Amino acid sequence: MAATPNRQFKNICVLSGFTYGKHKEFVDAAIDLGRSIAERKLHLVYGGGNRGLSKLVSEAAFIRGSQVLGIIPRGLKPLGSLSASSTKEELVVSGDLATLEALIALASWAHLHIHQKPIIC
């Protein structure tokens, strides 16, 4: 789904891998994405992790001036979050299968043209 040229976005939500994996190109792509977010003066909302590709995207965006909000389910917080960082905002949510259900619902609604917000996979 392509965005209309007149639309101005202020926020972007990124969901990415929790680990780097074996491919350096994923690391480079994550850093480039963070840089692009900052260059476009967008605010980043992401999964709140302090490891892996999520961390790379958030750090690259933040150090270039983007506002960064990490949203992390309470159950995942012990696995890694940004609580030690005073530079980014963190929101701890109850999060459970309802979080996955909401993501699937948003994708379905886009497919059914109930909303026009772009979703990039």
C-alpha atoms as a PDB file:
ATOM      1  CA  MET A   1       0.000   0.000   0.000  1.00  0.00           C
ATOM      2  CA  ALA A   2       1.597   3.265  -1.063  1.00  0.00           C
ATOM      3  CA  ALA A   3       1.173   6.435   0.971  1.00  0.00           C
ATOM      4  CA  THR A   4      -0.322   9.463  -0.699  1.00  0.00           C
ATOM      5  CA  PRO A   5       2.229  12.191  -1.492  1.00  0.00           C
ATOM      6  CA  ASN A   6       0.399  14.805   0.641  1.00  0.00           C
ATOM      7  CA  ARG A   7       0.531  12.805   3.862  1.00  0.00           C
ATOM      8  CA  GLN A   8       2.899  13.920   6.568  1.00  0.00           C
ATOM      9  CA  PHE A   9       3.748  11.323   9.181  1.00  0.00           C
ATOM     10  CA  LYS A  10       5.081  12.241  12.610  1.00  0.00           C
ATOM     11  CA  ASN A  11       5.562   8.769  14.084  1.00  0.00           C
ATOM     12  CA  ILE A  12       6.743   5.433  12.827  1.00  0.00           C
ATOM     13  CA  CYS A  13       6.475   2.095  14.599  1.00  0.00           C
ATOM     14  CA  VAL A  14       9.208  -0.456  13.969  1.00  0.00           C
ATOM     15  CA  LEU A  15       9.107  -4.089  15.046  1.00  0.00           C
ATOM     16  CA  SER A  16      12.380  -5.869  14.456  1.00  0.00           C
ATOM     17  CA  GLY A  17      14.454  -8.817  15.542  1.00  0.00           C
ATOM     18  CA  PHE A  18      15.675  -9.261  19.096  1.00  0.00           C
ATOM     19  CA  THR A  19      19.062 -10.559  17.943  1.00  0.00           C
ATOM     20  CA  TYR A  20      21.531  -9.597  15.244  1.00  0.00           C
ATOM     21  CA  GLY A  21      21.581 -12.954  13.581  1.00  0.00           C
ATOM     22  CA  LYS A  22      24.445 -13.974  11.312  1.00  0.00           C
ATOM     23  CA  HIS A  23      23.995 -11.383   8.593  1.00  0.00           C
ATOM     24  CA  LYS A  24      25.892  -8.089   8.756  1.00  0.00           C
ATOM     25  CA  GLU A  25      23.545  -6.635   6.154  1.00  0.00           C
ATOM     26  CA  PHE A  26      20.715  -6.785   8.727  1.00  0.00           C
ATOM     27  CA  VAL A  27      22.841  -4.744  11.124  1.00  0.00           C
ATOM     28  CA  ASP A  28      23.618  -2.197   8.413  1.00  0.00           C
ATOM     29  CA  ALA A  29      19.953  -2.018   7.385  1.00  0.00           C
ATOM     30  CA  ALA A  30      18.828  -1.442  10.986  1.00  0.00           C
ATOM     31  CA  ILE A  31      21.308   1.412  11.441  1.00  0.00           C
ATOM     32  CA  ASP A  32      20.344   2.920   8.078  1.00  0.00           C
ATOM     33  CA  LEU A  33      16.670   2.731   9.045  1.00  0.00           C
ATOM     34  CA  GLY A  34      17.351   4.590  12.296  1.00  0.00           C
ATOM     35  CA  ARG A  35      19.295   7.256  10.418  1.00  0.00           C
ATOM     36  CA  SER A  36      16.504   7.645   7.862  1.00  0.00           C
ATOM     37  CA  ILE A  37      13.916   8.013  10.612  1.00  0.00           C
ATOM     38  CA  ALA A  38      15.930  10.845  12.161  1.00  0.00           C
ATOM     39  CA  GLU A  39      16.617  12.520   8.809  1.00  0.00           C
ATOM     40  CA  ARG A  40      12.865  12.623   8.173  1.00  0.00           C
ATOM     41  CA  LYS A  41      12.312  14.068  11.659  1.00  0.00           C
ATOM     42  CA  LEU A  42      10.046  11.205  12.665  1.00  0.00           C
ATOM     43  CA  HIS A  43       9.428   9.944  16.189  1.00  0.00           C
ATOM     44  CA  LEU A  44      10.205   6.261  16.667  1.00  0.00           C
ATOM     45  CA  VAL A  45       7.962   3.851  18.564  1.00  0.00           C
ATOM     46  CA  TYR A  46       9.408   0.364  18.897  1.00  0.00           C
ATOM     47  CA  GLY A  47       9.404  -2.814  20.965  1.00  0.00           C
ATOM     48  CA  GLY A  48      11.561  -1.385  23.747  1.00  0.00           C
ATOM     49  CA  GLY A  49      14.350  -3.960  23.708  1.00  0.00           C
ATOM     50  CA  ASN A  50      17.936  -3.085  24.521  1.00  0.00           C
ATOM     51  CA  ARG A  51      19.414  -5.836  22.350  1.00  0.00           C
ATOM     52  CA  GLY A  52      19.518  -6.812  18.721  1.00  0.00           C
ATOM     53  CA  LEU A  53      18.206  -4.955  15.713  1.00  0.00           C
ATOM     54  CA  SER A  54      15.655  -3.030  17.793  1.00  0.00           C
ATOM     55  CA  LYS A  55      18.455  -1.483  19.815  1.00  0.00           C
ATOM     56  CA  LEU A  56      20.376  -0.522  16.681  1.00  0.00           C
ATOM     57  CA  VAL A  57      17.381   1.195  15.059  1.00  0.00           C
ATOM     58  CA  SER A  58      16.515   3.083  18.248  1.00  0.00           C
ATOM     59  CA  GLU A  59      20.078   4.202  18.958  1.00  0.00           C
ATOM     60  CA  ALA A  60      20.691   5.356  15.399  1.00  0.00           C
ATOM     61  CA  ALA A  61      17.466   7.376  15.448  1.00  0.00           C
ATOM     62  CA  PHE A  62      18.018   8.805  18.932  1.00  0.00           C
ATOM     63  CA  ILE A  63      21.609   9.972  18.506  1.00  0.00           C
ATOM     64  CA  ARG A  64      20.498  11.861  15.412  1.00  0.00           C
ATOM     65  CA  GLY A  65      17.720  13.684  17.252  1.00  0.00           C
ATOM     66  CA  SER A  66      14.585  11.553  17.014  1.00  0.00           C
ATOM     67  CA  GLN A  67      12.262  11.120  19.939  1.00  0.00           C
ATOM     68  CA  VAL A  68      12.266   7.401  20.817  1.00  0.00           C
ATOM     69  CA  LEU A  69       9.566   5.555  22.773  1.00  0.00           C
ATOM     70  CA  GLY A  70      10.107   1.921  23.692  1.00  0.00           C
ATOM     71  CA  ILE A  71       6.978  -0.058  24.510  1.00  0.00           C
ATOM     72  CA  ILE A  72       7.645  -3.334  26.262  1.00  0.00           C
ATOM     73  CA  PRO A  73       5.291  -5.889  27.802  1.00  0.00           C
ATOM     74  CA  ARG A  74       5.805  -6.321  31.552  1.00  0.00           C
ATOM     75  CA  GLY A  75       6.608 -10.012  31.078  1.00  0.00           C
ATOM     76  CA  LEU A  76       9.472  -9.232  28.694  1.00  0.00           C
ATOM     77  CA  LYS A  77      10.992  -6.406  30.730  1.00  0.00           C
ATOM     78  CA  PRO A  78      13.387  -8.718  32.644  1.00  0.00           C
ATOM     79  CA  LEU A  79      14.801  -9.873  29.285  1.00  0.00           C
ATOM     80  CA  GLY A  80      15.961  -6.399  28.363  1.00  0.00           C
ATOM     81  CA  SER A  81      14.564  -2.929  28.287  1.00  0.00           C
ATOM     82  CA  LEU A  82      15.737   0.652  28.254  1.00  0.00           C
ATOM     83  CA  SER A  83      15.142   1.348  31.942  1.00  0.00           C
ATOM     84  CA  ALA A  84      18.853   1.965  32.497  1.00  0.00           C
ATOM     85  CA  SER A  85      18.894   4.607  29.786  1.00  0.00           C
ATOM     86  CA  SER A  86      17.866   8.134  30.686  1.00  0.00           C
ATOM     87  CA  THR A  87      17.877   9.159  27.038  1.00  0.00           C
ATOM     88  CA  LYS A  88      14.803   7.294  25.783  1.00  0.00           C
ATOM     89  CA  GLU A  89      11.251   6.982  27.027  1.00  0.00           C
ATOM     90  CA  GLU A  90       9.902   3.594  28.016  1.00  0.00           C
ATOM     91  CA  LEU A  91       6.308   2.472  28.502  1.00  0.00           C
ATOM     92  CA  VAL A  92       5.718  -0.848  30.245  1.00  0.00           C
ATOM     93  CA  VAL A  93       2.395  -2.412  29.267  1.00  0.00           C
ATOM     94  CA  SER A  94       0.545  -5.493  30.439  1.00  0.00           C
ATOM     95  CA  GLY A  95       0.968  -7.046  26.957  1.00  0.00           C
ATOM     96  CA  ASP A  96       0.004 -10.608  26.255  1.00  0.00           C
ATOM     97  CA  LEU A  97      -1.570 -12.411  23.322  1.00  0.00           C
ATOM     98  CA  ALA A  98      -3.825  -9.374  22.958  1.00  0.00           C
ATOM     99  CA  THR A  99      -0.770  -7.467  21.683  1.00  0.00           C
ATOM    100  CA  LEU A 100      -0.293  -9.981  18.866  1.00  0.00           C
ATOM    101  CA  GLU A 101      -4.024  -9.973  18.218  1.00  0.00           C
ATOM    102  CA  ALA A 102      -3.977  -6.181  17.847  1.00  0.00           C
ATOM    103  CA  LEU A 103      -1.133  -6.350  15.325  1.00  0.00           C
ATOM    104  CA  ILE A 104      -2.995  -8.943  13.269  1.00  0.00           C
ATOM    105  CA  ALA A 105      -6.179  -6.875  13.448  1.00  0.00           C
ATOM    106  CA  LEU A 106      -4.390  -3.756  12.164  1.00  0.00           C
ATOM    107  CA  ALA A 107      -2.914  -5.679   9.244  1.00  0.00           C
ATOM    108  CA  SER A 108      -6.313  -7.191   8.460  1.00  0.00           C
ATOM    109  CA  TRP A 109      -8.026  -3.820   8.598  1.00  0.00           C
ATOM    110  CA  ALA A 110      -5.463  -2.389   6.181  1.00  0.00           C
ATOM    111  CA  HIS A 111      -6.103  -5.296   3.824  1.00  0.00           C
ATOM    112  CA  LEU A 112      -9.856  -4.639   4.052  1.00  0.00           C
ATOM    113  CA  HIS A 113      -9.316  -0.872   3.524  1.00  0.00           C
ATOM    114  CA  ILE A 114     -10.761  -0.006   6.923  1.00  0.00           C
ATOM    115  CA  HIS A 115      -7.739   2.239   7.497  1.00  0.00           C
ATOM    116  CA  GLN A 116      -5.141   3.661   5.127  1.00  0.00           C
ATOM    117  CA  LYS A 117      -2.094   3.747   7.406  1.00  0.00           C
ATOM    118  CA  PRO A 118       0.884   2.101   5.716  1.00  0.00           C
ATOM    119  CA  ILE A 119       2.222  -1.148   7.102  1.00  0.00           C
ATOM    120  CA  ILE A 120       5.604  -2.236   5.830  1.00  0.00           C
ATOM    121  CA  CYS A 121       6.790  -5.823   6.187  1.00  0.00           C
END
